[in-house]
mmCIF file of all heavy atoms, coordinates in Angstrom:
data_MODEL
# 
_entry.id   MODEL 
# 
loop_
_atom_site.group_PDB 
_atom_site.id 
_atom_site.type_symbol 
_atom_site.label_atom_id 
_atom_site.label_alt_id 
_atom_site.label_comp_id 
_atom_site.label_asym_id 
_atom_site.label_entity_id 
_atom_site.label_seq_id 
_atom_site.pdbx_PDB_ins_code 
_atom_site.Cartn_x 
_atom_site.Cartn_y 
_atom_site.Cartn_z 
_atom_site.occupancy 
_atom_site.B_iso_or_equiv 
_atom_site.pdbx_formal_charge 
_atom_site.auth_seq_id 
_atom_site.auth_comp_id 
_atom_site.auth_asym_id 
_atom_site.auth_atom_id 
_atom_site.pdbx_PDB_model_num 
ATOM 1   N N   . LYS A 1 1  ? 24.776 -60.526 24.626 1.00 0.00 ? 1  LYS A N   1 
ATOM 2   C CA  . LYS A 1 1  ? 24.601 -59.368 23.888 1.00 0.00 ? 1  LYS A CA  1 
ATOM 3   C C   . LYS A 1 1  ? 25.704 -59.103 22.788 1.00 0.00 ? 1  LYS A C   1 
ATOM 4   O O   . LYS A 1 1  ? 26.789 -59.577 23.179 1.00 0.00 ? 1  LYS A O   1 
ATOM 5   C CB  . LYS A 1 1  ? 24.654 -58.112 24.908 1.00 0.00 ? 1  LYS A CB  1 
ATOM 6   C CG  . LYS A 1 1  ? 23.533 -58.030 25.929 1.00 0.00 ? 1  LYS A CG  1 
ATOM 7   C CD  . LYS A 1 1  ? 23.729 -56.811 26.736 1.00 0.00 ? 1  LYS A CD  1 
ATOM 8   C CE  . LYS A 1 1  ? 22.552 -56.840 27.784 1.00 0.00 ? 1  LYS A CE  1 
ATOM 9   N NZ  . LYS A 1 1  ? 22.655 -55.603 28.830 1.00 0.00 ? 1  LYS A NZ  1 
ATOM 10  N N   . PRO A 1 2  ? 25.337 -58.556 21.594 1.00 0.00 ? 2  PRO A N   1 
ATOM 11  C CA  . PRO A 1 2  ? 26.347 -58.344 20.510 1.00 0.00 ? 2  PRO A CA  1 
ATOM 12  C C   . PRO A 1 2  ? 27.418 -57.350 20.956 1.00 0.00 ? 2  PRO A C   1 
ATOM 13  O O   . PRO A 1 2  ? 27.034 -56.416 21.747 1.00 0.00 ? 2  PRO A O   1 
ATOM 14  C CB  . PRO A 1 2  ? 25.538 -58.133 19.382 1.00 0.00 ? 2  PRO A CB  1 
ATOM 15  C CG  . PRO A 1 2  ? 24.372 -57.376 19.959 1.00 0.00 ? 2  PRO A CG  1 
ATOM 16  C CD  . PRO A 1 2  ? 24.074 -58.164 21.225 1.00 0.00 ? 2  PRO A CD  1 
ATOM 17  N N   . THR A 1 3  ? 28.510 -57.299 20.284 1.00 0.00 ? 3  THR A N   1 
ATOM 18  C CA  . THR A 1 3  ? 29.524 -56.329 20.468 1.00 0.00 ? 3  THR A CA  1 
ATOM 19  C C   . THR A 1 3  ? 29.468 -55.261 19.420 1.00 0.00 ? 3  THR A C   1 
ATOM 20  O O   . THR A 1 3  ? 29.690 -55.425 18.226 1.00 0.00 ? 3  THR A O   1 
ATOM 21  C CB  . THR A 1 3  ? 30.867 -57.021 20.489 1.00 0.00 ? 3  THR A CB  1 
ATOM 22  O OG1 . THR A 1 3  ? 30.997 -58.087 21.435 1.00 0.00 ? 3  THR A OG1 1 
ATOM 23  C CG2 . THR A 1 3  ? 32.091 -55.913 20.748 1.00 0.00 ? 3  THR A CG2 1 
ATOM 24  N N   . ILE A 1 4  ? 28.989 -54.035 19.823 1.00 0.00 ? 4  ILE A N   1 
ATOM 25  C CA  . ILE A 1 4  ? 28.690 -52.921 18.924 1.00 0.00 ? 4  ILE A CA  1 
ATOM 26  C C   . ILE A 1 4  ? 29.553 -51.709 19.233 1.00 0.00 ? 4  ILE A C   1 
ATOM 27  O O   . ILE A 1 4  ? 29.694 -51.293 20.478 1.00 0.00 ? 4  ILE A O   1 
ATOM 28  C CB  . ILE A 1 4  ? 27.090 -52.573 19.078 1.00 0.00 ? 4  ILE A CB  1 
ATOM 29  C CG1 . ILE A 1 4  ? 26.352 -53.752 18.592 1.00 0.00 ? 4  ILE A CG1 1 
ATOM 30  C CG2 . ILE A 1 4  ? 26.863 -51.318 18.192 1.00 0.00 ? 4  ILE A CG2 1 
ATOM 31  C CD1 . ILE A 1 4  ? 24.747 -53.448 18.756 1.00 0.00 ? 4  ILE A CD1 1 
ATOM 32  N N   . TRP A 1 5  ? 29.945 -51.030 18.198 1.00 0.00 ? 5  TRP A N   1 
ATOM 33  C CA  . TRP A 1 5  ? 30.876 -49.861 18.365 1.00 0.00 ? 5  TRP A CA  1 
ATOM 34  C C   . TRP A 1 5  ? 30.038 -48.761 17.683 1.00 0.00 ? 5  TRP A C   1 
ATOM 35  O O   . TRP A 1 5  ? 29.994 -48.548 16.473 1.00 0.00 ? 5  TRP A O   1 
ATOM 36  C CB  . TRP A 1 5  ? 32.148 -50.129 17.493 1.00 0.00 ? 5  TRP A CB  1 
ATOM 37  C CG  . TRP A 1 5  ? 33.260 -49.095 17.654 1.00 0.00 ? 5  TRP A CG  1 
ATOM 38  C CD1 . TRP A 1 5  ? 33.219 -47.908 18.420 1.00 0.00 ? 5  TRP A CD1 1 
ATOM 39  C CD2 . TRP A 1 5  ? 34.501 -49.195 17.097 1.00 0.00 ? 5  TRP A CD2 1 
ATOM 40  N NE1 . TRP A 1 5  ? 34.365 -47.286 18.252 1.00 0.00 ? 5  TRP A NE1 1 
ATOM 41  C CE2 . TRP A 1 5  ? 35.151 -48.018 17.563 1.00 0.00 ? 5  TRP A CE2 1 
ATOM 42  C CE3 . TRP A 1 5  ? 35.152 -50.058 16.220 1.00 0.00 ? 5  TRP A CE3 1 
ATOM 43  C CZ2 . TRP A 1 5  ? 36.595 -47.789 17.177 1.00 0.00 ? 5  TRP A CZ2 1 
ATOM 44  C CZ3 . TRP A 1 5  ? 36.531 -49.817 15.884 1.00 0.00 ? 5  TRP A CZ3 1 
ATOM 45  C CH2 . TRP A 1 5  ? 37.137 -48.548 16.308 1.00 0.00 ? 5  TRP A CH2 1 
ATOM 46  N N   . THR A 1 6  ? 29.311 -47.913 18.574 1.00 0.00 ? 6  THR A N   1 
ATOM 47  C CA  . THR A 1 6  ? 28.443 -46.921 18.060 1.00 0.00 ? 6  THR A CA  1 
ATOM 48  C C   . THR A 1 6  ? 29.182 -45.662 17.566 1.00 0.00 ? 6  THR A C   1 
ATOM 49  O O   . THR A 1 6  ? 28.630 -44.960 16.861 1.00 0.00 ? 6  THR A O   1 
ATOM 50  C CB  . THR A 1 6  ? 27.507 -46.492 19.220 1.00 0.00 ? 6  THR A CB  1 
ATOM 51  O OG1 . THR A 1 6  ? 28.019 -46.584 20.509 1.00 0.00 ? 6  THR A OG1 1 
ATOM 52  C CG2 . THR A 1 6  ? 26.199 -47.262 19.217 1.00 0.00 ? 6  THR A CG2 1 
ATOM 53  N N   . GLU A 1 7  ? 30.331 -45.366 17.873 1.00 0.00 ? 7  GLU A N   1 
ATOM 54  C CA  . GLU A 1 7  ? 31.045 -44.239 17.535 1.00 0.00 ? 7  GLU A CA  1 
ATOM 55  C C   . GLU A 1 7  ? 32.514 -44.733 17.304 1.00 0.00 ? 7  GLU A C   1 
ATOM 56  O O   . GLU A 1 7  ? 33.357 -44.669 18.230 1.00 0.00 ? 7  GLU A O   1 
ATOM 57  C CB  . GLU A 1 7  ? 30.941 -43.106 18.449 1.00 0.00 ? 7  GLU A CB  1 
ATOM 58  C CG  . GLU A 1 7  ? 29.666 -42.509 18.531 1.00 0.00 ? 7  GLU A CG  1 
ATOM 59  C CD  . GLU A 1 7  ? 29.684 -41.216 19.303 1.00 0.00 ? 7  GLU A CD  1 
ATOM 60  O OE1 . GLU A 1 7  ? 30.679 -40.524 19.457 1.00 0.00 ? 7  GLU A OE1 1 
ATOM 61  O OE2 . GLU A 1 7  ? 28.495 -40.664 19.659 1.00 0.00 ? 7  GLU A OE2 1 
ATOM 62  N N   . ALA A 1 8  ? 32.952 -44.915 15.951 1.00 0.00 ? 8  ALA A N   1 
ATOM 63  C CA  . ALA A 1 8  ? 34.232 -45.228 15.576 1.00 0.00 ? 8  ALA A CA  1 
ATOM 64  C C   . ALA A 1 8  ? 34.766 -43.804 15.103 1.00 0.00 ? 8  ALA A C   1 
ATOM 65  O O   . ALA A 1 8  ? 34.354 -43.562 13.961 1.00 0.00 ? 8  ALA A O   1 
ATOM 66  C CB  . ALA A 1 8  ? 34.521 -46.301 14.569 1.00 0.00 ? 8  ALA A CB  1 
ATOM 67  N N   . TRP A 1 9  ? 35.536 -43.219 15.780 1.00 0.00 ? 9  TRP A N   1 
ATOM 68  C CA  . TRP A 1 9  ? 35.817 -41.708 15.426 1.00 0.00 ? 9  TRP A CA  1 
ATOM 69  C C   . TRP A 1 9  ? 36.858 -41.582 14.353 1.00 0.00 ? 9  TRP A C   1 
ATOM 70  O O   . TRP A 1 9  ? 37.832 -42.026 14.195 1.00 0.00 ? 9  TRP A O   1 
ATOM 71  C CB  . TRP A 1 9  ? 36.330 -40.988 16.726 1.00 0.00 ? 9  TRP A CB  1 
ATOM 72  C CG  . TRP A 1 9  ? 35.476 -40.966 17.899 1.00 0.00 ? 9  TRP A CG  1 
ATOM 73  C CD1 . TRP A 1 9  ? 34.007 -40.925 17.794 1.00 0.00 ? 9  TRP A CD1 1 
ATOM 74  C CD2 . TRP A 1 9  ? 35.827 -40.963 19.314 1.00 0.00 ? 9  TRP A CD2 1 
ATOM 75  N NE1 . TRP A 1 9  ? 33.590 -40.909 19.064 1.00 0.00 ? 9  TRP A NE1 1 
ATOM 76  C CE2 . TRP A 1 9  ? 34.462 -40.962 19.921 1.00 0.00 ? 9  TRP A CE2 1 
ATOM 77  C CE3 . TRP A 1 9  ? 36.877 -40.987 20.034 1.00 0.00 ? 9  TRP A CE3 1 
ATOM 78  C CZ2 . TRP A 1 9  ? 34.506 -40.773 21.365 1.00 0.00 ? 9  TRP A CZ2 1 
ATOM 79  C CZ3 . TRP A 1 9  ? 36.963 -40.812 21.371 1.00 0.00 ? 9  TRP A CZ3 1 
ATOM 80  C CH2 . TRP A 1 9  ? 35.767 -40.783 22.025 1.00 0.00 ? 9  TRP A CH2 1 
ATOM 81  N N   . SER A 1 10 ? 36.248 -41.039 13.181 1.00 0.00 ? 10 SER A N   1 
ATOM 82  C CA  . SER A 1 10 ? 36.968 -41.033 11.856 1.00 0.00 ? 10 SER A CA  1 
ATOM 83  C C   . SER A 1 10 ? 37.920 -39.872 11.886 1.00 0.00 ? 10 SER A C   1 
ATOM 84  O O   . SER A 1 10 ? 38.822 -39.782 10.982 1.00 0.00 ? 10 SER A O   1 
ATOM 85  C CB  . SER A 1 10 ? 36.001 -40.893 10.862 1.00 0.00 ? 10 SER A CB  1 
ATOM 86  O OG  . SER A 1 10 ? 35.240 -39.698 10.900 1.00 0.00 ? 10 SER A OG  1 
ATOM 87  N N   . GLY A 1 11 ? 37.700 -38.985 12.775 1.00 0.00 ? 11 GLY A N   1 
ATOM 88  C CA  . GLY A 1 11 ? 38.700 -37.812 12.995 1.00 0.00 ? 11 GLY A CA  1 
ATOM 89  C C   . GLY A 1 11 ? 38.376 -37.182 14.353 1.00 0.00 ? 11 GLY A C   1 
ATOM 90  O O   . GLY A 1 11 ? 38.166 -37.834 15.352 1.00 0.00 ? 11 GLY A O   1 
ATOM 91  N N   . TRP A 1 12 ? 38.232 -35.856 14.277 1.00 0.00 ? 12 TRP A N   1 
ATOM 92  C CA  . TRP A 1 12 ? 37.954 -35.064 15.534 1.00 0.00 ? 12 TRP A CA  1 
ATOM 93  C C   . TRP A 1 12 ? 37.410 -33.760 15.076 1.00 0.00 ? 12 TRP A C   1 
ATOM 94  O O   . TRP A 1 12 ? 37.613 -33.295 14.071 1.00 0.00 ? 12 TRP A O   1 
ATOM 95  C CB  . TRP A 1 12 ? 39.051 -34.982 16.328 1.00 0.00 ? 12 TRP A CB  1 
ATOM 96  C CG  . TRP A 1 12 ? 38.822 -34.640 17.900 1.00 0.00 ? 12 TRP A CG  1 
ATOM 97  C CD1 . TRP A 1 12 ? 39.140 -33.524 18.517 1.00 0.00 ? 12 TRP A CD1 1 
ATOM 98  C CD2 . TRP A 1 12 ? 38.181 -35.531 18.842 1.00 0.00 ? 12 TRP A CD2 1 
ATOM 99  N NE1 . TRP A 1 12 ? 38.753 -33.550 19.829 1.00 0.00 ? 12 TRP A NE1 1 
ATOM 100 C CE2 . TRP A 1 12 ? 38.115 -34.815 19.910 1.00 0.00 ? 12 TRP A CE2 1 
ATOM 101 C CE3 . TRP A 1 12 ? 37.560 -36.804 18.691 1.00 0.00 ? 12 TRP A CE3 1 
ATOM 102 C CZ2 . TRP A 1 12 ? 37.459 -35.331 21.165 1.00 0.00 ? 12 TRP A CZ2 1 
ATOM 103 C CZ3 . TRP A 1 12 ? 36.932 -37.293 19.828 1.00 0.00 ? 12 TRP A CZ3 1 
ATOM 104 C CH2 . TRP A 1 12 ? 36.944 -36.612 20.994 1.00 0.00 ? 12 TRP A CH2 1 
ATOM 105 N N   . PHE A 1 13 ? 36.612 -33.110 16.011 1.00 0.00 ? 13 PHE A N   1 
ATOM 106 C CA  . PHE A 1 13 ? 36.046 -31.825 15.656 1.00 0.00 ? 13 PHE A CA  1 
ATOM 107 C C   . PHE A 1 13 ? 37.013 -30.759 15.913 1.00 0.00 ? 13 PHE A C   1 
ATOM 108 O O   . PHE A 1 13 ? 38.002 -30.947 16.602 1.00 0.00 ? 13 PHE A O   1 
ATOM 109 C CB  . PHE A 1 13 ? 34.862 -31.627 16.596 1.00 0.00 ? 13 PHE A CB  1 
ATOM 110 C CG  . PHE A 1 13 ? 35.060 -31.638 18.012 1.00 0.00 ? 13 PHE A CG  1 
ATOM 111 C CD1 . PHE A 1 13 ? 35.523 -30.578 18.848 1.00 0.00 ? 13 PHE A CD1 1 
ATOM 112 C CD2 . PHE A 1 13 ? 34.906 -32.833 18.780 1.00 0.00 ? 13 PHE A CD2 1 
ATOM 113 C CE1 . PHE A 1 13 ? 35.737 -30.612 20.125 1.00 0.00 ? 13 PHE A CE1 1 
ATOM 114 C CE2 . PHE A 1 13 ? 35.069 -33.006 20.143 1.00 0.00 ? 13 PHE A CE2 1 
ATOM 115 C CZ  . PHE A 1 13 ? 35.544 -31.873 20.811 1.00 0.00 ? 13 PHE A CZ  1 
ATOM 116 N N   . ASP A 1 14 ? 36.837 -29.660 15.326 1.00 0.00 ? 14 ASP A N   1 
ATOM 117 C CA  . ASP A 1 14 ? 37.789 -28.437 15.489 1.00 0.00 ? 14 ASP A CA  1 
ATOM 118 C C   . ASP A 1 14 ? 37.141 -27.399 16.299 1.00 0.00 ? 14 ASP A C   1 
ATOM 119 O O   . ASP A 1 14 ? 35.881 -27.247 16.406 1.00 0.00 ? 14 ASP A O   1 
ATOM 120 C CB  . ASP A 1 14 ? 38.095 -27.873 13.965 1.00 0.00 ? 14 ASP A CB  1 
ATOM 121 C CG  . ASP A 1 14 ? 38.755 -28.939 13.097 1.00 0.00 ? 14 ASP A CG  1 
ATOM 122 O OD1 . ASP A 1 14 ? 39.447 -29.790 13.603 1.00 0.00 ? 14 ASP A OD1 1 
ATOM 123 O OD2 . ASP A 1 14 ? 38.464 -28.924 11.975 1.00 0.00 ? 14 ASP A OD2 1 
ATOM 124 N N   . GLU A 1 15 ? 38.014 -26.659 16.951 1.00 0.00 ? 15 GLU A N   1 
ATOM 125 C CA  . GLU A 1 15 ? 37.544 -25.510 17.747 1.00 0.00 ? 15 GLU A CA  1 
ATOM 126 C C   . GLU A 1 15 ? 38.364 -24.161 17.443 1.00 0.00 ? 15 GLU A C   1 
ATOM 127 O O   . GLU A 1 15 ? 39.484 -24.354 16.992 1.00 0.00 ? 15 GLU A O   1 
ATOM 128 C CB  . GLU A 1 15 ? 37.882 -25.891 19.236 1.00 0.00 ? 15 GLU A CB  1 
ATOM 129 C CG  . GLU A 1 15 ? 39.271 -26.175 19.523 1.00 0.00 ? 15 GLU A CG  1 
ATOM 130 C CD  . GLU A 1 15 ? 39.538 -26.708 20.886 1.00 0.00 ? 15 GLU A CD  1 
ATOM 131 O OE1 . GLU A 1 15 ? 39.271 -27.984 21.122 1.00 0.00 ? 15 GLU A OE1 1 
ATOM 132 O OE2 . GLU A 1 15 ? 40.099 -26.123 21.707 1.00 0.00 ? 15 GLU A OE2 1 
ATOM 133 N N   . PHE A 1 16 ? 37.674 -23.118 17.356 1.00 0.00 ? 16 PHE A N   1 
ATOM 134 C CA  . PHE A 1 16 ? 38.298 -21.895 16.969 1.00 0.00 ? 16 PHE A CA  1 
ATOM 135 C C   . PHE A 1 16 ? 39.547 -21.665 17.856 1.00 0.00 ? 16 PHE A C   1 
ATOM 136 O O   . PHE A 1 16 ? 39.574 -21.758 19.115 1.00 0.00 ? 16 PHE A O   1 
ATOM 137 C CB  . PHE A 1 16 ? 37.394 -20.719 17.181 1.00 0.00 ? 16 PHE A CB  1 
ATOM 138 C CG  . PHE A 1 16 ? 36.276 -20.680 16.292 1.00 0.00 ? 16 PHE A CG  1 
ATOM 139 C CD1 . PHE A 1 16 ? 34.919 -20.773 16.726 1.00 0.00 ? 16 PHE A CD1 1 
ATOM 140 C CD2 . PHE A 1 16 ? 36.483 -20.406 14.881 1.00 0.00 ? 16 PHE A CD2 1 
ATOM 141 C CE1 . PHE A 1 16 ? 33.826 -20.771 15.758 1.00 0.00 ? 16 PHE A CE1 1 
ATOM 142 C CE2 . PHE A 1 16 ? 35.399 -20.384 14.048 1.00 0.00 ? 16 PHE A CE2 1 
ATOM 143 C CZ  . PHE A 1 16 ? 34.189 -20.481 14.403 1.00 0.00 ? 16 PHE A CZ  1 
ATOM 144 N N   . GLY A 1 17 ? 40.629 -21.481 17.120 1.00 0.00 ? 17 GLY A N   1 
ATOM 145 C CA  . GLY A 1 17 ? 41.986 -21.210 17.744 1.00 0.00 ? 17 GLY A CA  1 
ATOM 146 C C   . GLY A 1 17 ? 42.822 -22.537 18.011 1.00 0.00 ? 17 GLY A C   1 
ATOM 147 O O   . GLY A 1 17 ? 43.899 -22.497 18.460 1.00 0.00 ? 17 GLY A O   1 
ATOM 148 N N   . GLY A 1 18 ? 42.160 -23.658 17.462 1.00 0.00 ? 18 GLY A N   1 
ATOM 149 C CA  . GLY A 1 18 ? 42.883 -24.849 17.540 1.00 0.00 ? 18 GLY A CA  1 
ATOM 150 C C   . GLY A 1 18 ? 43.211 -25.353 16.153 1.00 0.00 ? 18 GLY A C   1 
ATOM 151 O O   . GLY A 1 18 ? 42.730 -24.782 15.186 1.00 0.00 ? 18 GLY A O   1 
ATOM 152 N N   . PRO A 1 19 ? 44.051 -26.327 16.026 1.00 0.00 ? 19 PRO A N   1 
ATOM 153 C CA  . PRO A 1 19 ? 44.405 -26.896 14.727 1.00 0.00 ? 19 PRO A CA  1 
ATOM 154 C C   . PRO A 1 19 ? 43.404 -27.771 14.119 1.00 0.00 ? 19 PRO A C   1 
ATOM 155 O O   . PRO A 1 19 ? 42.379 -28.096 14.744 1.00 0.00 ? 19 PRO A O   1 
ATOM 156 C CB  . PRO A 1 19 ? 45.700 -27.737 15.026 1.00 0.00 ? 19 PRO A CB  1 
ATOM 157 C CG  . PRO A 1 19 ? 45.378 -28.245 16.392 1.00 0.00 ? 19 PRO A CG  1 
ATOM 158 C CD  . PRO A 1 19 ? 44.767 -27.014 17.095 1.00 0.00 ? 19 PRO A CD  1 
ATOM 159 N N   . VAL A 1 20 ? 43.500 -28.141 12.778 1.00 0.00 ? 20 VAL A N   1 
ATOM 160 C CA  . VAL A 1 20 ? 42.499 -29.072 12.161 1.00 0.00 ? 20 VAL A CA  1 
ATOM 161 C C   . VAL A 1 20 ? 43.034 -30.548 12.337 1.00 0.00 ? 20 VAL A C   1 
ATOM 162 O O   . VAL A 1 20 ? 44.238 -30.696 12.248 1.00 0.00 ? 20 VAL A O   1 
ATOM 163 C CB  . VAL A 1 20 ? 42.459 -28.775 10.719 1.00 0.00 ? 20 VAL A CB  1 
ATOM 164 C CG1 . VAL A 1 20 ? 41.520 -29.722 9.977  1.00 0.00 ? 20 VAL A CG1 1 
ATOM 165 C CG2 . VAL A 1 20 ? 41.949 -27.336 10.414 1.00 0.00 ? 20 VAL A CG2 1 
ATOM 166 N N   . HIS A 1 21 ? 42.225 -31.285 12.738 1.00 0.00 ? 21 HIS A N   1 
ATOM 167 C CA  . HIS A 1 21 ? 42.526 -32.795 13.142 1.00 0.00 ? 21 HIS A CA  1 
ATOM 168 C C   . HIS A 1 21 ? 42.241 -33.646 11.976 1.00 0.00 ? 21 HIS A C   1 
ATOM 169 O O   . HIS A 1 21 ? 41.391 -33.607 11.213 1.00 0.00 ? 21 HIS A O   1 
ATOM 170 C CB  . HIS A 1 21 ? 41.757 -33.195 14.364 1.00 0.00 ? 21 HIS A CB  1 
ATOM 171 C CG  . HIS A 1 21 ? 41.843 -32.324 15.538 1.00 0.00 ? 21 HIS A CG  1 
ATOM 172 N ND1 . HIS A 1 21 ? 42.846 -32.455 16.467 1.00 0.00 ? 21 HIS A ND1 1 
ATOM 173 C CD2 . HIS A 1 21 ? 41.039 -31.307 15.907 1.00 0.00 ? 21 HIS A CD2 1 
ATOM 174 C CE1 . HIS A 1 21 ? 42.770 -31.582 17.377 1.00 0.00 ? 21 HIS A CE1 1 
ATOM 175 N NE2 . HIS A 1 21 ? 41.648 -30.811 17.105 1.00 0.00 ? 21 HIS A NE2 1 
ATOM 176 N N   . HIS A 1 22 ? 43.295 -34.557 11.826 1.00 0.00 ? 22 HIS A N   1 
ATOM 177 C CA  . HIS A 1 22 ? 43.058 -35.626 10.836 1.00 0.00 ? 22 HIS A CA  1 
ATOM 178 C C   . HIS A 1 22 ? 43.438 -37.125 11.443 1.00 0.00 ? 22 HIS A C   1 
ATOM 179 O O   . HIS A 1 22 ? 44.338 -37.175 12.221 1.00 0.00 ? 22 HIS A O   1 
ATOM 180 C CB  . HIS A 1 22 ? 44.245 -35.453 9.663  1.00 0.00 ? 22 HIS A CB  1 
ATOM 181 C CG  . HIS A 1 22 ? 44.095 -34.066 9.085  1.00 0.00 ? 22 HIS A CG  1 
ATOM 182 N ND1 . HIS A 1 22 ? 43.017 -33.743 8.107  1.00 0.00 ? 22 HIS A ND1 1 
ATOM 183 C CD2 . HIS A 1 22 ? 44.691 -32.932 9.248  1.00 0.00 ? 22 HIS A CD2 1 
ATOM 184 C CE1 . HIS A 1 22 ? 43.230 -32.516 7.675  1.00 0.00 ? 22 HIS A CE1 1 
ATOM 185 N NE2 . HIS A 1 22 ? 44.179 -31.919 8.447  1.00 0.00 ? 22 HIS A NE2 1 
ATOM 186 N N   . ARG A 1 23 ? 42.692 -38.114 10.947 1.00 0.00 ? 23 ARG A N   1 
ATOM 187 C CA  . ARG A 1 23 ? 43.065 -39.436 11.348 1.00 0.00 ? 23 ARG A CA  1 
ATOM 188 C C   . ARG A 1 23 ? 43.526 -40.204 10.072 1.00 0.00 ? 23 ARG A C   1 
ATOM 189 O O   . ARG A 1 23 ? 42.729 -40.417 9.252  1.00 0.00 ? 23 ARG A O   1 
ATOM 190 C CB  . ARG A 1 23 ? 41.881 -40.075 12.143 1.00 0.00 ? 23 ARG A CB  1 
ATOM 191 C CG  . ARG A 1 23 ? 42.268 -41.388 12.655 1.00 0.00 ? 23 ARG A CG  1 
ATOM 192 C CD  . ARG A 1 23 ? 41.179 -42.157 13.399 1.00 0.00 ? 23 ARG A CD  1 
ATOM 193 N NE  . ARG A 1 23 ? 41.675 -43.274 14.071 1.00 0.00 ? 23 ARG A NE  1 
ATOM 194 C CZ  . ARG A 1 23 ? 41.057 -44.218 14.683 1.00 0.00 ? 23 ARG A CZ  1 
ATOM 195 N NH1 . ARG A 1 23 ? 39.707 -44.062 14.863 1.00 0.00 ? 23 ARG A NH1 1 
ATOM 196 N NH2 . ARG A 1 23 ? 41.650 -45.209 15.342 1.00 0.00 ? 23 ARG A NH2 1 
ATOM 197 N N   . PRO A 1 24 ? 44.643 -40.651 10.113 1.00 0.00 ? 24 PRO A N   1 
ATOM 198 C CA  . PRO A 1 24 ? 45.167 -41.562 8.976  1.00 0.00 ? 24 PRO A CA  1 
ATOM 199 C C   . PRO A 1 24 ? 44.197 -42.700 8.696  1.00 0.00 ? 24 PRO A C   1 
ATOM 200 O O   . PRO A 1 24 ? 43.714 -43.448 9.674  1.00 0.00 ? 24 PRO A O   1 
ATOM 201 C CB  . PRO A 1 24 ? 46.467 -42.005 9.221  1.00 0.00 ? 24 PRO A CB  1 
ATOM 202 C CG  . PRO A 1 24 ? 47.000 -40.901 10.293 1.00 0.00 ? 24 PRO A CG  1 
ATOM 203 C CD  . PRO A 1 24 ? 45.777 -40.610 11.111 1.00 0.00 ? 24 PRO A CD  1 
# 
């Protein structure tokens, strides 16, 4: 089977009351 990455997280989701997320 091939090696597949279905979700390479480019950042993250935000939630009310939490900070804004960044991925360099």
